[in-house]
């Protein structure tokens, strides 16, 4: 009985992190819906990635993925995966 309760609470926490926490943290780092904020951590990451890749940011790189999530949010599949991970972690308690 309590295993189900822990899993349900974990899924709720995971979904809350996915829907609210991730976009807030990325926005604070400078990955915004309108682009990368000047002078932010995101700008420094983008600069380092561009220098490492000869002037461009590679598609699929960490910077590109975080910019995509910052602009559009997480997909339903990604939200579900984070919720499932939360359920799995708390289900083991």
PDB file of N, CA and C in Angstrom:
ATOM      1  N   UNK A   1       0.820  -1.189   0.000  1.00  0.00           N
ATOM      2  CA  UNK A   1       0.000   0.000   0.000  1.00  0.00           C
ATOM      3  C   UNK A   1       0.871   1.263   0.000  1.00  0.00           C
ATOM      4  N   UNK A   2       1.884   1.307   0.890  1.00  0.00           N
ATOM      5  CA  UNK A   2       2.713   2.492   0.962  1.00  0.00           C
ATOM      6  C   UNK A   2       3.628   2.625  -0.250  1.00  0.00           C
ATOM      7  N   UNK A   3       3.976   1.489  -0.902  1.00  0.00           N
ATOM      8  CA  UNK A   3       4.795   1.570  -2.104  1.00  0.00           C
ATOM      9  C   UNK A   3       4.088   2.377  -3.176  1.00  0.00           C
ATOM     10  N   UNK A   4       2.787   2.132  -3.341  1.00  0.00           N
ATOM     11  CA  UNK A   4       2.027   2.892  -4.323  1.00  0.00           C
ATOM     12  C   UNK A   4       1.980   4.368  -3.950  1.00  0.00           C
ATOM     13  N   UNK A   5       1.805   4.650  -2.669  1.00  0.00           N
ATOM     14  CA  UNK A   5       1.741   6.033  -2.213  1.00  0.00           C
ATOM     15  C   UNK A   5       3.064   6.752  -2.473  1.00  0.00           C
ATOM     16  N   UNK A   6       4.183   6.093  -2.147  1.00  0.00           N
ATOM     17  CA  UNK A   6       5.489   6.690  -2.401  1.00  0.00           C
ATOM     18  C   UNK A   6       5.702   6.931  -3.893  1.00  0.00           C
ATOM     19  N   UNK A   7       5.295   5.968  -4.717  1.00  0.00           N
ATOM     20  CA  UNK A   7       5.452   6.124  -6.165  1.00  0.00           C
ATOM     21  C   UNK A   7       4.596   7.278  -6.680  1.00  0.00           C
ATOM     22  N   UNK A   8       3.379   7.402  -6.171  1.00  0.00           N
ATOM     23  CA  UNK A   8       2.495   8.493  -6.609  1.00  0.00           C
ATOM     24  C   UNK A   8       3.054   9.851  -6.195  1.00  0.00           C
ATOM     25  N   UNK A   9       3.562   9.944  -4.974  1.00  0.00           N
ATOM     26  CA  UNK A   9       4.163  11.197  -4.512  1.00  0.00           C
ATOM     27  C   UNK A   9       5.405  11.509  -5.339  1.00  0.00           C
ATOM     28  N   UNK A  10       6.210  10.501  -5.614  1.00  0.00           N
ATOM     29  CA  UNK A  10       7.410  10.700  -6.436  1.00  0.00           C
ATOM     30  C   UNK A  10       7.065  11.176  -7.834  1.00  0.00           C
ATOM     31  N   UNK A  11       6.021  10.602  -8.424  1.00  0.00           N
ATOM     32  CA  UNK A  11       5.597  11.032  -9.754  1.00  0.00           C
ATOM     33  C   UNK A  11       5.129  12.479  -9.725  1.00  0.00           C
ATOM     34  N   UNK A  12       4.394  12.836  -8.681  1.00  0.00           N
ATOM     35  CA  UNK A  12       3.940  14.223  -8.555  1.00  0.00           C
ATOM     36  C   UNK A  12       5.083  15.202  -8.411  1.00  0.00           C
ATOM     37  N   UNK A  13       6.067  14.837  -7.598  1.00  0.00           N
ATOM     38  CA  UNK A  13       7.231  15.705  -7.423  1.00  0.00           C
ATOM     39  C   UNK A  13       8.007  15.799  -8.730  1.00  0.00           C
ATOM     40  N   UNK A  14       8.204  14.661  -9.381  1.00  0.00           N
ATOM     41  CA  UNK A  14       8.928  14.667 -10.656  1.00  0.00           C
ATOM     42  C   UNK A  14       8.235  15.520 -11.700  1.00  0.00           C
ATOM     43  N   UNK A  15       6.928  15.421 -11.782  1.00  0.00           N
ATOM     44  CA  UNK A  15       6.173  16.217 -12.743  1.00  0.00           C
ATOM     45  C   UNK A  15       6.245  17.701 -12.390  1.00  0.00           C
ATOM     46  N   UNK A  16       6.187  18.007 -11.112  1.00  0.00           N
ATOM     47  CA  UNK A  16       6.315  19.408 -10.688  1.00  0.00           C
ATOM     48  C   UNK A  16       7.666  19.984 -11.059  1.00  0.00           C
ATOM     49  N   UNK A  17       8.713  19.203 -10.873  1.00  0.00           N
ATOM     50  CA  UNK A  17      10.053  19.651 -11.258  1.00  0.00           C
ATOM     51  C   UNK A  17      10.117  19.858 -12.764  1.00  0.00           C
ATOM     52  N   UNK A  18       9.538  18.930 -13.513  1.00  0.00           N
ATOM     53  CA  UNK A  18       9.588  19.024 -14.977  1.00  0.00           C
ATOM     54  C   UNK A  18       8.826  20.234 -15.498  1.00  0.00           C
ATOM     55  N   UNK A  19       7.664  20.476 -14.944  1.00  0.00           N
ATOM     56  CA  UNK A  19       6.803  21.535 -15.472  1.00  0.00           C
ATOM     57  C   UNK A  19       7.225  22.912 -14.974  1.00  0.00           C
ATOM     58  N   UNK A  20       7.628  23.009 -13.715  1.00  0.00           N
ATOM     59  CA  UNK A  20       7.921  24.312 -13.121  1.00  0.00           C
ATOM     60  C   UNK A  20       9.414  24.538 -12.934  1.00  0.00           C
ATOM     61  N   UNK A  21      10.088  23.575 -12.335  1.00  0.00           N
ATOM     62  CA  UNK A  21      11.481  23.773 -11.932  1.00  0.00           C
ATOM     63  C   UNK A  21      12.462  23.946 -13.070  1.00  0.00           C
ATOM     64  N   UNK A  22      12.402  23.072 -14.053  1.00  0.00           N
ATOM     65  CA  UNK A  22      13.373  23.111 -15.151  1.00  0.00           C
ATOM     66  C   UNK A  22      13.290  24.431 -15.922  1.00  0.00           C
ATOM     67  N   UNK A  23      12.106  24.862 -16.376  1.00  0.00           N
ATOM     68  CA  UNK A  23      12.056  26.146 -17.094  1.00  0.00           C
ATOM     69  C   UNK A  23      12.502  27.345 -16.244  1.00  0.00           C
ATOM     70  N   UNK A  24      12.206  27.313 -14.957  1.00  0.00           N
ATOM     71  CA  UNK A  24      12.616  28.422 -14.081  1.00  0.00           C
ATOM     72  C   UNK A  24      14.134  28.478 -13.972  1.00  0.00           C
ATOM     73  N   UNK A  25      14.757  27.336 -13.761  1.00  0.00           N
ATOM     74  CA  UNK A  25      16.217  27.297 -13.627  1.00  0.00           C
ATOM     75  C   UNK A  25      16.892  27.706 -14.932  1.00  0.00           C
ATOM     76  N   UNK A  26      16.393  27.202 -16.053  1.00  0.00           N
ATOM     77  CA  UNK A  26      16.989  27.575 -17.337  1.00  0.00           C
ATOM     78  C   UNK A  26      16.795  29.058 -17.629  1.00  0.00           C
ATOM     79  N   UNK A  27      15.634  29.599 -17.298  1.00  0.00           N
ATOM     80  CA  UNK A  27      15.399  31.027 -17.488  1.00  0.00           C
ATOM     81  C   UNK A  27      16.339  31.864 -16.637  1.00  0.00           C
ATOM     82  N   UNK A  28      16.573  31.436 -15.402  1.00  0.00           N
ATOM     83  CA  UNK A  28      17.485  32.156 -14.519  1.00  0.00           C
ATOM     84  C   UNK A  28      18.926  32.110 -15.028  1.00  0.00           C
ATOM     85  N   UNK A  29      19.268  31.027 -15.720  1.00  0.00           N
ATOM     86  CA  UNK A  29      20.615  30.900 -16.275  1.00  0.00           C
ATOM     87  C   UNK A  29      20.779  31.707 -17.558  1.00  0.00           C
ATOM     88  N   UNK A  30      19.664  32.166 -18.151  1.00  0.00           N
ATOM     89  CA  UNK A  30      19.747  32.989 -19.346  1.00  0.00           C
ATOM     90  C   UNK A  30      19.188  32.354 -20.602  1.00  0.00           C
ATOM     91  N   UNK A  31      18.654  31.139 -20.501  1.00  0.00           N
ATOM     92  CA  UNK A  31      18.028  30.482 -21.646  1.00  0.00           C
ATOM     93  C   UNK A  31      16.551  30.881 -21.647  1.00  0.00           C
ATOM     94  N   UNK A  32      16.212  31.946 -22.358  1.00  0.00           N
ATOM     95  CA  UNK A  32      14.862  32.491 -22.307  1.00  0.00           C
ATOM     96  C   UNK A  32      14.088  32.184 -23.586  1.00  0.00           C
ATOM     97  N   UNK A  33      12.796  32.499 -23.573  1.00  0.00           N
ATOM     98  CA  UNK A  33      11.946  32.259 -24.741  1.00  0.00           C
ATOM     99  C   UNK A  33      12.343  33.142 -25.917  1.00  0.00           C
ATOM    100  N   UNK A  34      12.989  34.254 -25.647  1.00  0.00           N
ATOM    101  CA  UNK A  34      13.389  35.164 -26.720  1.00  0.00           C
ATOM    102  C   UNK A  34      14.839  34.974 -27.158  1.00  0.00           C
ATOM    103  N   UNK A  35      15.540  34.044 -26.563  1.00  0.00           N
ATOM    104  CA  UNK A  35      16.934  33.786 -26.925  1.00  0.00           C
ATOM    105  C   UNK A  35      17.815  33.742 -25.696  1.00  0.00           C
ATOM    106  N   UNK A  36      19.098  33.812 -25.929  1.00  0.00           N
ATOM    107  CA  UNK A  36      20.055  33.771 -24.824  1.00  0.00           C
ATOM    108  C   UNK A  36      20.308  35.196 -24.340  1.00  0.00           C
ATOM    109  N   UNK A  37      20.153  35.406 -23.043  1.00  0.00           N
ATOM    110  CA  UNK A  37      20.313  36.737 -22.454  1.00  0.00           C
ATOM    111  C   UNK A  37      21.785  37.137 -22.419  1.00  0.00           C
ATOM    112  N   UNK A  38      22.058  38.371 -22.829  1.00  0.00           N
ATOM    113  CA  UNK A  38      23.425  38.885 -22.851  1.00  0.00           C
ATOM    114  C   UNK A  38      24.001  38.934 -21.441  1.00  0.00           C
ATOM    115  N   UNK A  39      25.264  38.546 -21.309  1.00  0.00           N
ATOM    116  CA  UNK A  39      25.956  38.607 -20.032  1.00  0.00           C
ATOM    117  C   UNK A  39      25.584  37.519 -19.047  1.00  0.00           C
ATOM    118  N   UNK A  40      24.790  36.547 -19.475  1.00  0.00           N
ATOM    119  CA  UNK A  40      24.324  35.493 -18.576  1.00  0.00           C
ATOM    120  C   UNK A  40      25.255  34.282 -18.622  1.00  0.00           C
ATOM    121  N   UNK A  41      24.967  33.331 -17.751  1.00  0.00           N
ATOM    122  CA  UNK A  41      25.689  32.059 -17.772  1.00  0.00           C
ATOM    123  C   UNK A  41      25.489  31.378 -19.121  1.00  0.00           C
ATOM    124  N   UNK A  42      24.269  31.482 -19.650  1.00  0.00           N
ATOM    125  CA  UNK A  42      23.974  30.868 -20.948  1.00  0.00           C
ATOM    126  C   UNK A  42      24.842  31.473 -22.053  1.00  0.00           C
ATOM    127  N   UNK A  43      25.053  32.786 -22.010  1.00  0.00           N
ATOM    128  CA  UNK A  43      25.890  33.449 -23.005  1.00  0.00           C
ATOM    129  C   UNK A  43      27.335  32.964 -22.920  1.00  0.00           C
ATOM    130  N   UNK A  44      27.810  32.773 -21.703  1.00  0.00           N
ATOM    131  CA  UNK A  44      29.176  32.275 -21.529  1.00  0.00           C
ATOM    132  C   UNK A  44      29.300  30.834 -22.031  1.00  0.00           C
ATOM    133  N   UNK A  45      28.259  30.031 -21.757  1.00  0.00           N
ATOM    134  CA  UNK A  45      28.275  28.648 -22.245  1.00  0.00           C
ATOM    135  C   UNK A  45      28.247  28.617 -23.764  1.00  0.00           C
ATOM    136  N   UNK A  46      27.429  29.476 -24.371  1.00  0.00           N
ATOM    137  CA  UNK A  46      27.331  29.522 -25.825  1.00  0.00           C
ATOM    138  C   UNK A  46      28.654  29.965 -26.439  1.00  0.00           C
ATOM    139  N   UNK A  47      29.299  30.943 -25.834  1.00  0.00           N
ATOM    140  CA  UNK A  47      30.586  31.410 -26.328  1.00  0.00           C
ATOM    141  C   UNK A  47      31.632  30.300 -26.276  1.00  0.00           C
ATOM    142  N   UNK A  48      31.682  29.592 -25.155  1.00  0.00           N
ATOM    143  CA  UNK A  48      32.648  28.494 -25.021  1.00  0.00           C
ATOM    144  C   UNK A  48      32.370  27.383 -26.026  1.00  0.00           C
ATOM    145  N   UNK A  49      31.092  27.078 -26.242  1.00  0.00           N
ATOM    146  CA  UNK A  49      30.740  26.034 -27.213  1.00  0.00           C
ATOM    147  C   UNK A  49      31.103  26.462 -28.623  1.00  0.00           C
ATOM    148  N   UNK A  50      30.877  27.723 -28.947  1.00  0.00           N
ATOM    149  CA  UNK A  50      31.209  28.213 -30.283  1.00  0.00           C
ATOM    150  C   UNK A  50      32.718  28.198 -30.526  1.00  0.00           C
ATOM    151  N   UNK A  51      33.477  28.590 -29.517  1.00  0.00           N
ATOM    152  CA  UNK A  51      34.942  28.561 -29.651  1.00  0.00           C
ATOM    153  C   UNK A  51      35.427  27.129 -29.844  1.00  0.00           C
ATOM    154  N   UNK A  52      34.857  26.202 -29.087  1.00  0.00           N
ATOM    155  CA  UNK A  52      35.272  24.801 -29.178  1.00  0.00           C
ATOM    156  C   UNK A  52      34.894  24.164 -30.512  1.00  0.00           C
ATOM    157  N   UNK A  53      33.840  24.674 -31.157  1.00  0.00           N
ATOM    158  CA  UNK A  53      33.363  24.083 -32.406  1.00  0.00           C
ATOM    159  C   UNK A  53      33.690  24.926 -33.628  1.00  0.00           C
ATOM    160  N   UNK A  54      34.649  25.802 -33.527  1.00  0.00           N
ATOM    161  CA  UNK A  54      35.071  26.570 -34.688  1.00  0.00           C
ATOM    162  C   UNK A  54      34.101  27.663 -35.105  1.00  0.00           C
ATOM    163  N   UNK A  55      33.348  28.207 -34.194  1.00  0.00           N
ATOM    164  CA  UNK A  55      32.501  29.352 -34.506  1.00  0.00           C
ATOM    165  C   UNK A  55      31.009  29.109 -34.466  1.00  0.00           C
ATOM    166  N   UNK A  56      30.573  27.889 -34.323  1.00  0.00           N
ATOM    167  CA  UNK A  56      29.135  27.605 -34.276  1.00  0.00           C
ATOM    168  C   UNK A  56      28.810  26.682 -33.118  1.00  0.00           C
ATOM    169  N   UNK A  57      27.556  26.669 -32.753  1.00  0.00           N
ATOM    170  CA  UNK A  57      27.092  25.764 -31.705  1.00  0.00           C
ATOM    171  C   UNK A  57      26.487  24.542 -32.380  1.00  0.00           C
ATOM    172  N   UNK A  58      27.010  23.378 -32.068  1.00  0.00           N
ATOM    173  CA  UNK A  58      26.566  22.144 -32.712  1.00  0.00           C
ATOM    174  C   UNK A  58      25.134  21.798 -32.324  1.00  0.00           C
ATOM    175  N   UNK A  59      24.359  21.369 -33.317  1.00  0.00           N
ATOM    176  CA  UNK A  59      22.993  20.909 -33.048  1.00  0.00           C
ATOM    177  C   UNK A  59      23.061  19.685 -32.146  1.00  0.00           C
ATOM    178  N   UNK A  60      22.206  19.634 -31.149  1.00  0.00           N
ATOM    179  CA  UNK A  60      22.191  18.515 -30.219  1.00  0.00           C
ATOM    180  C   UNK A  60      23.147  18.665 -29.055  1.00  0.00           C
ATOM    181  N   UNK A  61      23.928  19.745 -29.052  1.00  0.00           N
ATOM    182  CA  UNK A  61      24.837  19.966 -27.925  1.00  0.00           C
ATOM    183  C   UNK A  61      24.040  20.396 -26.701  1.00  0.00           C
ATOM    184  N   UNK A  62      24.688  20.386 -25.550  1.00  0.00           N
ATOM    185  CA  UNK A  62      24.008  20.760 -24.308  1.00  0.00           C
ATOM    186  C   UNK A  62      23.443  22.176 -24.395  1.00  0.00           C
ATOM    187  N   UNK A  63      24.208  23.099 -24.976  1.00  0.00           N
ATOM    188  CA  UNK A  63      23.746  24.484 -25.100  1.00  0.00           C
ATOM    189  C   UNK A  63      22.516  24.549 -26.011  1.00  0.00           C
ATOM    190  N   UNK A  64      22.548  23.847 -27.123  1.00  0.00           N
ATOM    191  CA  UNK A  64      21.414  23.856 -28.054  1.00  0.00           C
ATOM    192  C   UNK A  64      20.161  23.255 -27.416  1.00  0.00           C
ATOM    193  N   UNK A  65      20.321  22.171 -26.687  1.00  0.00           N
ATOM    194  CA  UNK A  65      19.174  21.527 -26.037  1.00  0.00           C
ATOM    195  C   UNK A  65      18.598  22.436 -24.950  1.00  0.00           C
ATOM    196  N   UNK A  66      19.460  23.047 -24.141  1.00  0.00           N
ATOM    197  CA  UNK A  66      18.963  23.926 -23.079  1.00  0.00           C
ATOM    198  C   UNK A  66      18.276  25.158 -23.663  1.00  0.00           C
ATOM    199  N   UNK A  67      18.776  25.681 -24.790  1.00  0.00           N
ATOM    200  CA  UNK A  67      18.113  26.814 -25.420  1.00  0.00           C
ATOM    201  C   UNK A  67      16.736  26.397 -25.938  1.00  0.00           C
ATOM    202  N   UNK A  68      16.653  25.219 -26.500  1.00  0.00           N
ATOM    203  CA  UNK A  68      15.370  24.716 -26.993  1.00  0.00           C
ATOM    204  C   UNK A  68      14.369  24.563 -25.856  1.00  0.00           C
ATOM    205  N   UNK A  69      14.796  23.990 -24.758  1.00  0.00           N
ATOM    206  CA  UNK A  69      13.903  23.814 -23.601  1.00  0.00           C
ATOM    207  C   UNK A  69      13.543  25.171 -23.003  1.00  0.00           C
ATOM    208  N   UNK A  70      14.500  26.087 -22.938  1.00  0.00           N
ATOM    209  CA  UNK A  70      14.218  27.420 -22.422  1.00  0.00           C
ATOM    210  C   UNK A  70      13.204  28.156 -23.279  1.00  0.00           C
ATOM    211  N   UNK A  71      13.241  27.931 -24.592  1.00  0.00           N
ATOM    212  CA  UNK A  71      12.333  28.623 -25.500  1.00  0.00           C
ATOM    213  C   UNK A  71      10.954  27.975 -25.550  1.00  0.00           C
ATOM    214  N   UNK A  72      10.903  26.654 -25.561  1.00  0.00           N
ATOM    215  CA  UNK A  72       9.626  25.964 -25.795  1.00  0.00           C
ATOM    216  C   UNK A  72       9.137  25.146 -24.618  1.00  0.00           C
ATOM    217  N   UNK A  73       9.951  24.935 -23.605  1.00  0.00           N
ATOM    218  CA  UNK A  73       9.560  24.077 -22.490  1.00  0.00           C
ATOM    219  C   UNK A  73       9.853  22.613 -22.804  1.00  0.00           C
ATOM    220  N   UNK A  74       9.546  21.757 -21.867  1.00  0.00           N
ATOM    221  CA  UNK A  74       9.784  20.328 -22.048  1.00  0.00           C
ATOM    222  C   UNK A  74       8.615  19.682 -22.776  1.00  0.00           C
ATOM    223  N   UNK A  75       8.911  18.693 -23.584  1.00  0.00           N
ATOM    224  CA  UNK A  75       7.857  17.948 -24.270  1.00  0.00           C
ATOM    225  C   UNK A  75       7.098  17.078 -23.271  1.00  0.00           C
ATOM    226  N   UNK A  76       5.943  16.592 -23.689  1.00  0.00           N
ATOM    227  CA  UNK A  76       5.166  15.698 -22.840  1.00  0.00           C
ATOM    228  C   UNK A  76       5.928  14.438 -22.494  1.00  0.00           C
ATOM    229  N   UNK A  77       6.706  13.932 -23.460  1.00  0.00           N
ATOM    230  CA  UNK A  77       7.500  12.728 -23.212  1.00  0.00           C
ATOM    231  C   UNK A  77       8.572  12.981 -22.157  1.00  0.00           C
ATOM    232  N   UNK A  78       9.217  14.138 -22.231  1.00  0.00           N
ATOM    233  CA  UNK A  78      10.250  14.462 -21.248  1.00  0.00           C
ATOM    234  C   UNK A  78       9.637  14.653 -19.863  1.00  0.00           C
ATOM    235  N   UNK A  79       8.468  15.307 -19.800  1.00  0.00           N
ATOM    236  CA  UNK A  79       7.794  15.464 -18.519  1.00  0.00           C
ATOM    237  C   UNK A  79       7.416  14.110 -17.930  1.00  0.00           C
ATOM    238  N   UNK A  80       6.935  13.208 -18.777  1.00  0.00           N
ATOM    239  CA  UNK A  80       6.585  11.867 -18.314  1.00  0.00           C
ATOM    240  C   UNK A  80       7.788  11.097 -17.813  1.00  0.00           C
ATOM    241  N   UNK A  81       8.920  11.244 -18.499  1.00  0.00           N
ATOM    242  CA  UNK A  81      10.135  10.543 -18.077  1.00  0.00           C
ATOM    243  C   UNK A  81      10.618  11.045 -16.719  1.00  0.00           C
ATOM    244  N   UNK A  82      10.553  12.355 -16.504  1.00  0.00           N
ATOM    245  CA  UNK A  82      10.976  12.895 -15.217  1.00  0.00           C
ATOM    246  C   UNK A  82      10.015  12.461 -14.114  1.00  0.00           C
ATOM    247  N   UNK A  83       8.715  12.443 -14.416  1.00  0.00           N
ATOM    248  CA  UNK A  83       7.740  11.972 -13.428  1.00  0.00           C
ATOM    249  C   UNK A  83       7.978  10.503 -13.096  1.00  0.00           C
ATOM    250  N   UNK A  84       8.281   9.687 -14.104  1.00  0.00           N
ATOM    251  CA  UNK A  84       8.555   8.264 -13.873  1.00  0.00           C
ATOM    252  C   UNK A  84       9.819   8.083 -13.036  1.00  0.00           C
ATOM    253  N   UNK A  85      10.821   8.904 -13.287  1.00  0.00           N
ATOM    254  CA  UNK A  85      12.051   8.822 -12.497  1.00  0.00           C
ATOM    255  C   UNK A  85      11.765   9.174 -11.037  1.00  0.00           C
ATOM    256  N   UNK A  86      10.956  10.198 -10.810  1.00  0.00           N
ATOM    257  CA  UNK A  86      10.587  10.547  -9.445  1.00  0.00           C
ATOM    258  C   UNK A  86       9.830   9.420  -8.761  1.00  0.00           C
ATOM    259  N   UNK A  87       8.928   8.764  -9.495  1.00  0.00           N
ATOM    260  CA  UNK A  87       8.184   7.645  -8.938  1.00  0.00           C
ATOM    261  C   UNK A  87       9.110   6.484  -8.594  1.00  0.00           C
ATOM    262  N   UNK A  88      10.078   6.237  -9.480  1.00  0.00           N
ATOM    263  CA  UNK A  88      11.010   5.129  -9.244  1.00  0.00           C
ATOM    264  C   UNK A  88      11.883   5.388  -8.025  1.00  0.00           C
ATOM    265  N   UNK A  89      12.336   6.618  -7.872  1.00  0.00           N
ATOM    266  CA  UNK A  89      13.207   6.957  -6.744  1.00  0.00           C
ATOM    267  C   UNK A  89      12.447   6.839  -5.426  1.00  0.00           C
ATOM    268  N   UNK A  90      11.265   7.438  -5.345  1.00  0.00           N
ATOM    269  CA  UNK A  90      10.519   7.379  -4.095  1.00  0.00           C
ATOM    270  C   UNK A  90       9.849   6.015  -3.888  1.00  0.00           C
ATOM    271  N   UNK A  91       9.628   5.274  -4.951  1.00  0.00           N
ATOM    272  CA  UNK A  91       9.059   3.950  -4.825  1.00  0.00           C
ATOM    273  C   UNK A  91      10.013   2.968  -4.152  1.00  0.00           C
ATOM    274  N   UNK A  92      11.308   3.307  -4.171  1.00  0.00           N
ATOM    275  CA  UNK A  92      12.330   2.452  -3.548  1.00  0.00           C
ATOM    276  C   UNK A  92      12.450   2.722  -2.054  1.00  0.00           C
ATOM    277  N   UNK A  93      11.830   3.802  -1.582  1.00  0.00           N
ATOM    278  CA  UNK A  93      11.962   4.189  -0.170  1.00  0.00           C
ATOM    279  C   UNK A  93      11.259   3.221   0.751  1.00  0.00           C
TER     280      UNK A  93
END
